[in-house]
Amino acid sequence: MDLPVIIQGGMGIGVSDWRLAKAVSLLGQLGVVSGTGINTVLIRRLQDGDGQGDVRRAMAHFPDQDYAQNVLQLYFLPQGRSQGKAYKRCSLPTIDAPLSLQRLNALASFVEVFLAKENHAGMIGINFLEKLQTSNLSGIYGAMLAGVDYVLMGAGIPREIPGVLDKFATQTEATIKVSVIGASSPSDIRASFNPPEIFPKASELALKRPKFLAIISSDTLALHLVRKATGSVEGFVIEGATAGGHNAPPRGPLQLSTLGEPIYSINDEPNLAAFRKIGLPFWLAGTFGSPEKIGEALKLGATGVQVGTAFAFCSESGVSSSLRQAVIDKWCDTGSAKPQAVFTDPCASPTGFPFKVAPLAGTLSELSLYEARPRKCDVGYLRQPALLSDGSIVYRCPAEPVADFLKKGGLAEETMNRKCLCNALMSNIGVGQTQDDGYEELPLLTAGDDLTHLKQFLRAGNRSYSAKDVIEHLTT
């Protein structure tokens, strides 16, 4: 299998959708879909009418057609939902998720990968966040049913995922340790997915084992994965602090700049000599979206680069067309003014990881709009399991109503300036929720520091650009 020079970043929720991944793959690079929140993306597409029939076409190939038809009956609205009507929700993720939710997660991943791979032989990967431990097993299995070629995972230490791939390739049960706040022995609390129990018909199929790429920031973690992972690791994406989305926190005590951003030092820079010594392929990520930076990466021994921001705002991206255009208008029409920088927010994400925020009017990056939003947690991907003194497990999110968070044992300071990423990122791709009180969920865009360099992809006189424009520019 030829290794790609460019990996298109797996940006969630739904930014790296099947259309973008397919466009990149058809051009000979690695297209990647996002597995984050994919079950909600699926059912909202169905409730919006599935205008081109793509979702239903993919569902027709799912190995368990009885279940696929059940999902259509539950969620598909041929005329689309009425304006102002709330989307029907699925269950919130838990360690012991009901079979219906595990099946939905698998179906949704299958649909996204199937559409990305449809009618061509290019490579497709799927990206997951390690922190979403209660959803990842079913999502990985569904992607493997569709023949996914790569699984990529960051935002944590994905030590057990290579072994999960091995298990699923033989259609056997896989389990992973779930991090539970307050648990003295986390290894005793595990999530599981058993293919013969959940999809008896599908479990009879032969599945290939996809390659696994860990998204990390340090050679220490890379070496740990090589030595301690439960299966083989095929390579690394080394992501720096200038990349979009979630960043690894700085090493040592957190210090903030005068602007309120985390301060990164030379100690946070990856030791590429150590990576070269490990001997596995690696790709560099974080402001590597230019021909010069790709050349630099190759000279440093990298196989290539991962590029996210440039693809996030191309015409095939899942970001809604109005937001894409607003970004291009703001960051490509600056005249003599210096483009506004992305803000690395130490508080926005409920995960506690720094999160890159693109400051844009009409989004939750505006303080007044954030403060006006009623706090609500009704999607729940970033909820963390916590063990109470009576032995029960609760699920809490620092972005939920403060009183609810405190009742579950959380601390008030943990809730300060936390934003509901689940709802905001759904709004980014045009499937934002209308709450029961009429509140329309607002977007919150993330991007890497390369946002200020988008103009390089615009052809003269154009107000948009394509994935092809990005790849042709980067590879010339």
Protein backbone atom coordinates (compact mmCIF):
# COMPACT_ATOMS: atom_id res chain seq x y z
CA MET A 1 0.00 0.00 0.00
CA ASP A 2 1.53 3.33 -1.04
CA LEU A 3 1.74 5.84 1.79
CA PRO A 4 0.18 9.23 1.16
CA VAL A 5 2.13 12.46 1.29
CA ILE A 6 -0.98 14.35 2.42
CA ILE A 7 -3.43 13.15 5.05
CA GLN A 8 -6.59 15.24 5.07
CA GLY A 9 -7.37 15.96 8.73
CA GLY A 10 -10.33 14.13 10.25
CA MET A 11 -12.25 17.14 11.52
CA GLY A 12 -15.43 16.72 13.54
CA ILE A 13 -18.26 17.01 13.89
CA GLY A 14 -19.00 16.25 10.23
CA VAL A 15 -16.55 18.80 8.79
CA SER A 16 -14.56 15.97 7.27
CA ASP A 17 -17.57 14.30 5.75
CA TRP A 18 -17.70 11.66 3.04
CA ARG A 19 -17.74 14.18 0.19
CA LEU A 20 -14.48 15.79 1.31
CA ALA A 21 -12.76 12.49 2.06
CA LYS A 22 -13.79 11.07 -1.29
CA ALA A 23 -12.56 14.14 -3.19
CA VAL A 24 -9.16 13.89 -1.50
CA SER A 25 -8.89 10.14 -2.02
CA LEU A 26 -9.70 10.44 -5.72
CA LEU A 27 -6.70 12.76 -6.00
CA GLY A 28 -4.35 10.11 -4.62
CA GLN A 29 -4.06 11.26 -1.01
CA LEU A 30 -5.62 9.90 2.20
CA GLY A 31 -9.17 11.15 2.65
CA VAL A 32 -10.42 10.91 6.22
CA VAL A 33 -13.97 11.08 7.58
CA SER A 34 -14.73 12.05 11.14
CA GLY A 35 -16.33 9.45 13.40
CA THR A 36 -17.09 11.99 16.14
CA GLY A 37 -20.82 12.38 16.75
CA ILE A 38 -21.57 10.45 13.59
CA ASN A 39 -24.77 8.84 14.88
CA THR A 40 -26.41 12.22 15.45
CA VAL A 41 -25.18 13.44 12.07
CA LEU A 42 -26.83 10.44 10.42
CA ILE A 43 -30.24 10.81 12.03
CA ARG A 44 -30.32 14.58 11.42
CA ARG A 45 -29.55 14.07 7.75
CA LEU A 46 -32.48 11.67 7.60
CA GLN A 47 -34.76 14.12 9.39
CA ASP A 48 -33.77 16.80 6.90
CA GLY A 49 -35.03 14.57 4.10
CA ASP A 50 -31.79 13.10 2.72
CA GLY A 51 -32.37 15.19 -0.40
CA GLN A 52 -30.02 13.36 -2.77
CA GLY A 53 -30.74 9.96 -1.29
CA ASP A 54 -27.08 9.31 -0.41
CA VAL A 55 -27.69 8.17 3.16
CA ARG A 56 -30.46 5.78 2.15
CA ARG A 57 -28.36 4.39 -0.71
CA ALA A 58 -25.55 3.56 1.71
CA MET A 59 -27.98 2.14 4.27
CA ALA A 60 -29.28 -0.24 1.61
CA HIS A 61 -25.85 -1.92 1.65
CA PHE A 62 -25.68 -2.37 5.41
CA PRO A 63 -25.40 -6.08 6.32
CA ASP A 64 -28.37 -5.94 8.74
CA GLN A 65 -31.24 -4.67 6.62
CA ASP A 66 -33.87 -5.26 9.29
CA TYR A 67 -32.08 -2.81 11.56
CA ALA A 68 -31.47 -0.32 8.74
CA GLN A 69 -35.19 -0.27 7.97
CA ASN A 70 -35.97 0.29 11.65
CA VAL A 71 -33.76 3.38 11.63
CA LEU A 72 -35.51 4.71 8.54
CA GLN A 73 -38.88 4.25 10.19
CA LEU A 74 -37.72 6.07 13.31
CA TYR A 75 -35.96 9.04 11.75
CA PHE A 76 -36.53 9.51 8.02
CA LEU A 77 -38.80 12.41 7.07
CA PRO A 78 -39.37 12.43 3.29
CA GLN A 79 -40.30 16.12 3.27
CA GLY A 80 -37.77 17.07 5.91
CA ARG A 81 -38.59 18.46 9.34
CA SER A 82 -40.71 21.58 9.64
CA GLN A 83 -38.92 24.87 10.20
CA GLY A 84 -38.39 25.49 13.90
CA LYS A 85 -39.10 21.88 14.84
CA ALA A 86 -36.55 20.13 17.05
CA TYR A 87 -34.59 17.17 15.78
CA LYS A 88 -35.48 13.85 17.36
CA ARG A 89 -32.57 12.76 19.53
CA CYS A 90 -30.91 9.39 20.05
CA SER A 91 -29.81 8.06 23.43
CA LEU A 92 -26.87 9.69 25.17
CA PRO A 93 -23.68 7.60 25.24
CA THR A 94 -22.93 5.54 28.36
CA ILE A 95 -20.50 2.77 29.30
CA ASP A 96 -23.24 0.15 29.09
CA ALA A 97 -24.95 1.70 26.08
CA PRO A 98 -28.16 -0.03 24.93
CA LEU A 99 -27.87 -2.27 21.89
CA SER A 100 -29.95 0.19 19.89
CA LEU A 101 -27.35 2.93 20.36
CA GLN A 102 -24.40 0.65 19.63
CA ARG A 103 -26.11 -0.46 16.44
CA LEU A 104 -26.83 3.14 15.45
CA ASN A 105 -23.19 4.14 16.00
CA ALA A 106 -22.03 1.26 13.81
CA LEU A 107 -24.56 2.01 11.09
CA ALA A 108 -23.61 5.68 11.01
CA SER A 109 -19.89 4.92 10.64
CA PHE A 110 -20.66 2.36 7.96
CA VAL A 111 -22.68 4.90 5.97
CA GLU A 112 -19.95 7.57 6.12
CA VAL A 113 -17.16 5.22 5.09
CA PHE A 114 -19.26 3.46 2.45
CA LEU A 115 -20.07 6.77 0.74
CA ALA A 116 -16.45 7.94 0.94
CA LYS A 117 -15.23 4.70 -0.69
CA GLU A 118 -18.05 4.28 -3.19
CA ASN A 119 -17.00 3.56 -6.78
CA HIS A 120 -13.24 4.05 -6.47
CA ALA A 121 -10.16 2.26 -5.12
CA GLY A 122 -8.57 5.13 -3.17
CA MET A 123 -7.69 4.98 0.51
CA ILE A 124 -10.14 6.20 3.19
CA GLY A 125 -9.52 6.62 6.89
CA ILE A 126 -11.73 7.46 9.84
CA ASN A 127 -10.75 9.63 12.80
CA PHE A 128 -11.93 9.17 16.39
CA LEU A 129 -11.22 10.96 19.67
CA GLU A 130 -9.84 8.64 22.35
CA LYS A 131 -11.75 10.62 24.98
CA LEU A 132 -15.07 9.44 23.50
CA GLN A 133 -14.50 5.98 24.91
CA THR A 134 -18.16 5.02 25.24
CA SER A 135 -18.79 5.46 21.49
CA ASN A 136 -15.59 4.37 19.79
CA LEU A 137 -15.93 0.58 19.74
CA SER A 138 -19.20 0.53 17.82
CA GLY A 139 -18.00 3.29 15.49
CA ILE A 140 -14.82 1.40 14.66
CA TYR A 141 -16.73 -1.80 13.95
CA GLY A 142 -19.15 -0.05 11.59
CA ALA A 143 -16.26 1.55 9.71
CA MET A 144 -14.60 -1.85 9.33
CA LEU A 145 -17.83 -3.29 7.92
CA ALA A 146 -17.51 -0.68 5.17
CA GLY A 147 -13.86 -1.60 4.49
CA VAL A 148 -12.10 1.40 6.03
CA ASP A 149 -8.36 1.44 5.27
CA TYR A 150 -7.03 3.49 8.19
CA VAL A 151 -8.16 4.28 11.72
CA LEU A 152 -6.67 7.43 13.26
CA MET A 153 -7.10 8.44 16.88
CA GLY A 154 -5.91 11.31 19.07
CA ALA A 155 -6.92 13.28 22.18
CA GLY A 156 -5.65 10.65 24.58
CA ILE A 157 -3.54 7.50 24.76
CA PRO A 158 -5.12 4.95 22.41
CA ARG A 159 -3.09 1.99 23.68
CA GLU A 160 -5.92 -0.55 23.37
CA ILE A 161 -7.25 0.41 19.94
CA PRO A 162 -4.77 -1.65 17.84
CA GLY A 163 -5.93 -4.75 19.71
CA VAL A 164 -9.56 -3.77 19.09
CA LEU A 165 -8.83 -3.75 15.36
CA ASP A 166 -7.33 -7.22 15.63
CA LYS A 167 -10.38 -8.51 17.52
CA PHE A 168 -12.90 -7.04 15.11
CA ALA A 169 -10.97 -8.39 12.12
CA THR A 170 -11.74 -11.85 13.54
CA GLN A 171 -15.31 -10.87 14.49
CA THR A 172 -14.67 -11.38 18.20
CA GLU A 173 -15.59 -9.28 21.22
CA ALA A 174 -13.38 -6.30 22.08
CA THR A 175 -13.26 -4.26 25.27
CA ILE A 176 -11.49 -1.08 26.33
CA LYS A 177 -10.76 0.50 29.67
CA VAL A 178 -12.97 3.51 30.41
CA SER A 179 -11.55 6.38 32.44
CA VAL A 180 -13.95 7.03 35.31
CA ILE A 181 -13.39 9.99 37.60
CA GLY A 182 -13.03 8.81 41.19
CA ALA A 183 -12.47 5.14 40.35
CA SER A 184 -9.55 3.64 42.26
CA SER A 185 -9.11 0.85 39.72
CA PRO A 186 -10.14 2.12 36.26
CA SER A 187 -9.15 -1.16 34.61
CA ASP A 188 -12.16 -2.81 36.25
CA ILE A 189 -14.56 -0.58 34.31
CA ARG A 190 -14.66 -1.47 30.65
CA ALA A 191 -16.85 -0.88 27.62
CA SER A 192 -17.41 -3.78 25.25
CA PHE A 193 -18.72 -4.56 21.78
CA ASN A 194 -19.47 -8.14 20.75
CA PRO A 195 -20.18 -8.48 16.99
CA PRO A 196 -21.97 -11.87 17.11
CA GLU A 197 -24.33 -10.54 19.76
CA ILE A 198 -25.00 -7.13 18.23
CA PHE A 199 -24.98 -7.97 14.51
CA PRO A 200 -25.26 -11.77 14.08
CA LYS A 201 -25.48 -11.61 10.28
CA ALA A 202 -22.67 -9.09 9.85
CA SER A 203 -20.43 -11.09 12.17
CA GLU A 204 -20.24 -13.82 9.54
CA LEU A 205 -18.42 -11.50 7.11
CA ALA A 206 -14.67 -11.48 6.56
CA LEU A 207 -13.19 -8.12 7.58
CA LYS A 208 -9.78 -6.64 6.87
CA ARG A 209 -7.79 -5.09 9.65
CA PRO A 210 -7.19 -1.37 8.91
CA LYS A 211 -3.87 0.32 9.57
CA PHE A 212 -3.68 2.32 12.78
CA LEU A 213 -2.19 5.81 13.05
CA ALA A 214 -1.94 7.45 16.47
CA ILE A 215 -2.25 11.24 16.60
CA ILE A 216 0.18 12.36 19.27
CA SER A 217 2.55 15.17 20.20
CA SER A 218 5.51 13.48 21.93
CA ASP A 219 8.05 10.78 21.16
CA THR A 220 7.61 9.44 24.70
CA LEU A 221 4.01 8.55 23.95
CA ALA A 222 5.00 7.12 20.57
CA LEU A 223 7.52 4.81 22.18
CA HIS A 224 4.98 3.81 24.84
CA LEU A 225 2.49 2.85 22.13
CA VAL A 226 5.06 0.85 20.18
CA ARG A 227 5.99 -1.10 23.31
CA LYS A 228 2.67 -1.33 25.14
CA ALA A 229 -0.11 -1.18 22.54
CA THR A 230 -2.29 -4.27 22.33
CA GLY A 231 -1.63 -4.62 18.59
CA SER A 232 0.49 -3.13 15.85
CA VAL A 233 0.79 0.63 15.29
CA GLU A 234 1.51 1.51 11.68
CA GLY A 235 2.54 5.14 12.13
CA PHE A 236 2.04 8.50 13.82
CA VAL A 237 0.60 11.90 13.08
CA ILE A 238 2.68 14.35 15.13
CA GLU A 239 0.40 17.28 15.89
CA GLY A 240 1.78 20.57 17.15
CA ALA A 241 0.08 23.32 19.14
CA THR A 242 -0.70 25.32 16.00
CA ALA A 243 -3.10 22.66 14.70
CA GLY A 244 -6.85 23.25 14.88
CA GLY A 245 -9.35 21.62 17.20
CA HIS A 246 -8.04 20.19 20.46
CA ASN A 247 -4.37 20.70 21.30
CA ALA A 248 -2.32 18.73 23.78
CA PRO A 249 -1.81 20.89 26.88
CA PRO A 250 1.67 22.35 27.51
CA ARG A 251 3.99 20.24 29.61
CA GLY A 252 4.28 21.34 33.22
CA PRO A 253 2.10 23.87 35.08
CA LEU A 254 -0.27 25.79 32.82
CA GLN A 255 0.83 29.37 32.21
CA LEU A 256 -1.14 31.89 30.16
CA SER A 257 0.03 34.71 27.93
CA THR A 258 -1.22 38.28 28.24
CA LEU A 259 -3.91 37.30 25.72
CA GLY A 260 -5.02 34.39 27.92
CA GLU A 261 -3.62 31.61 25.74
CA PRO A 262 -1.57 28.65 26.99
CA ILE A 263 2.17 29.24 26.67
CA TYR A 264 4.04 26.52 24.82
CA SER A 265 7.82 26.24 25.04
CA ILE A 266 10.63 24.38 23.35
CA ASN A 267 9.85 21.49 25.68
CA ASP A 268 6.57 20.98 23.83
CA GLU A 269 8.23 20.60 20.43
CA PRO A 270 8.45 17.00 19.17
CA ASN A 271 11.83 15.28 19.13
CA LEU A 272 11.90 14.22 15.51
CA ALA A 273 15.23 12.44 15.91
CA ALA A 274 13.52 10.13 18.40
CA PHE A 275 10.66 9.53 15.96
CA ARG A 276 13.09 8.71 13.19
CA LYS A 277 14.80 6.24 15.51
CA ILE A 278 11.47 4.45 16.16
CA GLY A 279 11.40 3.70 12.46
CA LEU A 280 7.68 3.98 11.72
CA PRO A 281 6.20 6.40 9.17
CA PHE A 282 5.15 9.77 10.58
CA TRP A 283 3.34 12.81 9.29
CA LEU A 284 3.68 16.35 10.69
CA ALA A 285 0.60 18.43 11.47
CA GLY A 286 0.03 22.03 12.52
CA THR A 287 0.78 24.84 10.00
CA PHE A 288 2.21 22.47 7.41
CA GLY A 289 -0.30 23.54 4.76
CA SER A 290 2.06 25.03 2.19
CA PRO A 291 4.43 23.59 -0.45
CA GLU A 292 7.43 24.94 1.47
CA LYS A 293 6.36 23.32 4.74
CA ILE A 294 5.75 19.99 3.01
CA GLY A 295 9.27 20.14 1.62
CA GLU A 296 10.57 20.93 5.09
CA ALA A 297 8.67 17.98 6.58
CA LEU A 298 10.09 15.57 4.01
CA LYS A 299 13.63 16.80 4.69
CA LEU A 300 13.04 16.15 8.40
CA GLY A 301 12.29 12.50 7.64
CA ALA A 302 8.49 12.68 7.62
CA THR A 303 6.48 10.61 5.16
CA GLY A 304 4.31 13.68 4.64
CA VAL A 305 1.94 16.03 6.42
CA GLN A 306 -1.58 16.19 7.76
CA VAL A 307 -3.56 19.23 6.60
CA GLY A 308 -6.84 20.25 8.20
CA THR A 309 -7.62 23.97 8.04
CA ALA A 310 -7.16 24.30 4.28
CA PHE A 311 -9.64 21.49 3.68
CA ALA A 312 -12.07 22.70 6.36
CA PHE A 313 -13.10 25.67 4.24
CA CYS A 314 -12.96 24.19 0.74
CA SER A 315 -16.18 23.66 -1.20
CA GLU A 316 -16.42 19.93 -0.37
CA SER A 317 -16.15 20.51 3.37
CA GLY A 318 -19.08 19.77 5.66
CA VAL A 319 -18.98 23.31 7.09
CA SER A 320 -22.15 25.14 6.02
CA SER A 321 -21.69 27.27 2.89
CA SER A 322 -22.56 30.50 4.72
CA LEU A 323 -19.89 29.93 7.37
CA ARG A 324 -17.30 28.92 4.77
CA GLN A 325 -17.94 32.10 2.85
CA ALA A 326 -17.83 34.23 5.99
CA VAL A 327 -14.42 32.77 6.82
CA ILE A 328 -13.06 33.36 3.33
CA ASP A 329 -14.43 36.91 3.27
CA LYS A 330 -12.83 37.71 6.63
CA TRP A 331 -9.45 36.04 6.31
CA CYS A 332 -8.84 36.51 2.59
CA ASP A 333 -10.00 40.13 2.19
CA THR A 334 -7.85 41.81 4.82
CA GLY A 335 -6.30 44.43 2.54
CA SER A 336 -3.30 45.87 4.33
CA ALA A 337 -4.60 44.76 7.73
CA LYS A 338 -3.06 41.76 9.44
CA PRO A 339 -5.48 38.80 9.45
CA GLN A 340 -7.03 38.11 12.83
CA ALA A 341 -5.40 35.19 14.58
CA VAL A 342 -7.08 32.07 15.91
CA PHE A 343 -7.43 32.04 19.70
CA THR A 344 -6.22 29.05 21.68
CA ASP A 345 -8.87 28.92 24.39
CA PRO A 346 -7.79 27.09 27.56
CA CYS A 347 -11.38 26.83 28.84
CA ALA A 348 -13.78 26.39 25.92
CA SER A 349 -13.63 22.61 25.67
CA PRO A 350 -15.27 20.51 28.40
CA THR A 351 -12.41 18.03 27.93
CA GLY A 352 -9.94 20.37 29.62
CA PHE A 353 -7.73 20.35 26.52
CA PRO A 354 -6.92 23.74 24.90
CA PHE A 355 -9.22 24.31 21.94
CA LYS A 356 -8.58 26.53 18.93
CA VAL A 357 -11.41 29.01 18.28
CA ALA A 358 -11.79 31.05 15.08
CA PRO A 359 -13.21 34.47 16.09
CA LEU A 360 -16.20 35.07 13.84
CA ALA A 361 -19.28 37.25 14.29
CA GLY A 362 -22.51 35.39 14.98
CA THR A 363 -20.79 32.45 16.63
CA LEU A 364 -20.20 31.49 20.26
CA SER A 365 -16.76 33.08 20.01
CA GLU A 366 -18.63 36.30 20.86
CA LEU A 367 -18.87 36.60 24.63
CA SER A 368 -22.37 38.08 24.58
CA LEU A 369 -23.73 35.20 22.49
CA TYR A 370 -22.04 32.63 24.71
CA GLU A 371 -23.50 34.24 27.85
CA ALA A 372 -26.99 34.38 26.27
CA ARG A 373 -27.07 30.64 25.55
CA PRO A 374 -29.10 28.60 28.06
CA ARG A 375 -26.76 25.91 29.38
CA LYS A 376 -27.94 22.50 28.24
CA CYS A 377 -26.40 19.06 27.70
CA ASP A 378 -28.61 17.02 25.38
CA VAL A 379 -26.08 15.41 23.03
CA GLY A 380 -23.58 14.28 25.61
CA TYR A 381 -20.49 13.08 23.72
CA LEU A 382 -18.13 14.89 26.10
CA ARG A 383 -19.79 13.77 29.31
CA GLN A 384 -17.35 12.06 31.66
CA PRO A 385 -18.29 9.06 33.82
CA ALA A 386 -17.77 9.74 37.52
CA LEU A 387 -18.00 7.30 40.42
CA LEU A 388 -19.94 8.55 43.44
CA SER A 389 -19.36 7.51 47.06
CA ASP A 390 -22.40 5.20 46.94
CA GLY A 391 -20.86 3.23 44.07
CA SER A 392 -23.13 4.61 41.35
CA ILE A 393 -21.83 6.11 38.11
CA VAL A 394 -23.07 9.47 36.87
CA TYR A 395 -22.22 11.30 33.66
CA ARG A 396 -21.28 14.95 33.88
CA CYS A 397 -20.06 17.67 31.56
CA PRO A 398 -18.56 21.00 32.68
CA ALA A 399 -20.67 22.73 30.02
CA GLU A 400 -23.99 21.43 31.39
CA PRO A 401 -26.15 23.49 33.80
CA VAL A 402 -23.93 24.37 36.74
CA ALA A 403 -26.37 23.10 39.37
CA ASP A 404 -26.54 19.71 37.63
CA PHE A 405 -22.75 19.50 37.44
CA LEU A 406 -22.36 20.30 41.14
CA LYS A 407 -24.94 17.68 42.13
CA LYS A 408 -22.81 15.09 40.36
CA GLY A 409 -19.72 15.99 42.37
CA GLY A 410 -18.15 18.51 40.00
CA LEU A 411 -16.51 21.75 41.10
CA ALA A 412 -17.87 25.19 40.21
CA GLU A 413 -14.52 26.39 38.85
CA GLU A 414 -14.55 23.57 36.30
CA THR A 415 -17.63 25.10 34.65
CA MET A 416 -16.16 28.55 34.02
CA ASN A 417 -16.32 29.57 30.33
CA ARG A 418 -16.96 26.01 29.17
CA LYS A 419 -18.82 25.83 25.87
CA CYS A 420 -21.18 23.14 24.60
CA LEU A 421 -19.07 21.86 21.73
CA CYS A 422 -21.48 19.06 20.86
CA ASN A 423 -24.30 21.43 19.91
CA ALA A 424 -22.03 24.12 18.47
CA LEU A 425 -20.15 21.76 16.17
CA MET A 426 -23.44 20.35 14.89
CA SER A 427 -24.45 23.90 14.01
CA ASN A 428 -21.20 24.34 12.08
CA ILE A 429 -22.39 21.79 9.53
CA GLY A 430 -25.96 23.05 9.25
CA VAL A 431 -27.72 20.58 11.53
CA GLY A 432 -27.95 22.69 14.67
CA GLN A 433 -30.69 21.88 17.16
CA THR A 434 -33.78 24.00 17.76
CA GLN A 435 -34.35 23.63 21.49
CA ASP A 436 -37.79 23.23 23.03
CA ASP A 437 -37.73 26.85 24.23
CA GLY A 438 -37.08 28.04 20.66
CA TYR A 439 -33.37 28.71 21.13
CA GLU A 440 -31.40 28.04 17.95
CA GLU A 441 -28.00 26.55 18.71
CA LEU A 442 -25.15 28.68 17.35
CA PRO A 443 -21.91 27.51 15.73
CA LEU A 444 -18.37 27.72 17.08
CA LEU A 445 -15.68 27.33 14.44
CA THR A 446 -12.28 25.85 15.09
CA ALA A 447 -9.24 26.19 12.85
CA GLY A 448 -5.49 26.02 13.03
CA ASP A 449 -3.09 28.93 12.79
CA ASP A 450 -2.95 28.34 9.02
CA LEU A 451 -6.35 30.06 8.80
CA THR A 452 -4.49 33.28 7.98
CA HIS A 453 -3.01 31.61 4.87
CA LEU A 454 -6.21 30.50 3.11
CA LYS A 455 -5.77 33.06 0.35
CA GLN A 456 -3.06 30.93 -1.26
CA PHE A 457 -5.74 28.47 -2.45
CA LEU A 458 -8.00 31.02 -4.14
CA ARG A 459 -7.60 31.31 -7.88
CA ALA A 460 -7.79 34.81 -9.33
CA GLY A 461 -11.32 36.19 -9.22
CA ASN A 462 -12.75 33.25 -7.25
CA ARG A 463 -14.52 33.44 -3.90
CA SER A 464 -14.20 29.74 -3.14
CA TYR A 465 -11.76 26.90 -3.71
CA SER A 466 -11.90 23.10 -3.93
CA ALA A 467 -10.02 20.17 -2.44
CA LYS A 468 -8.35 19.82 -5.84
CA ASP A 469 -7.12 23.42 -5.60
CA VAL A 470 -5.59 22.62 -2.21
CA ILE A 471 -3.81 19.47 -3.32
CA GLU A 472 -2.58 20.92 -6.62
CA HIS A 473 -1.16 23.95 -4.80
CA LEU A 474 0.48 21.88 -2.07
CA THR A 475 2.07 19.39 -4.45
CA THR A 476 3.47 21.82 -7.05
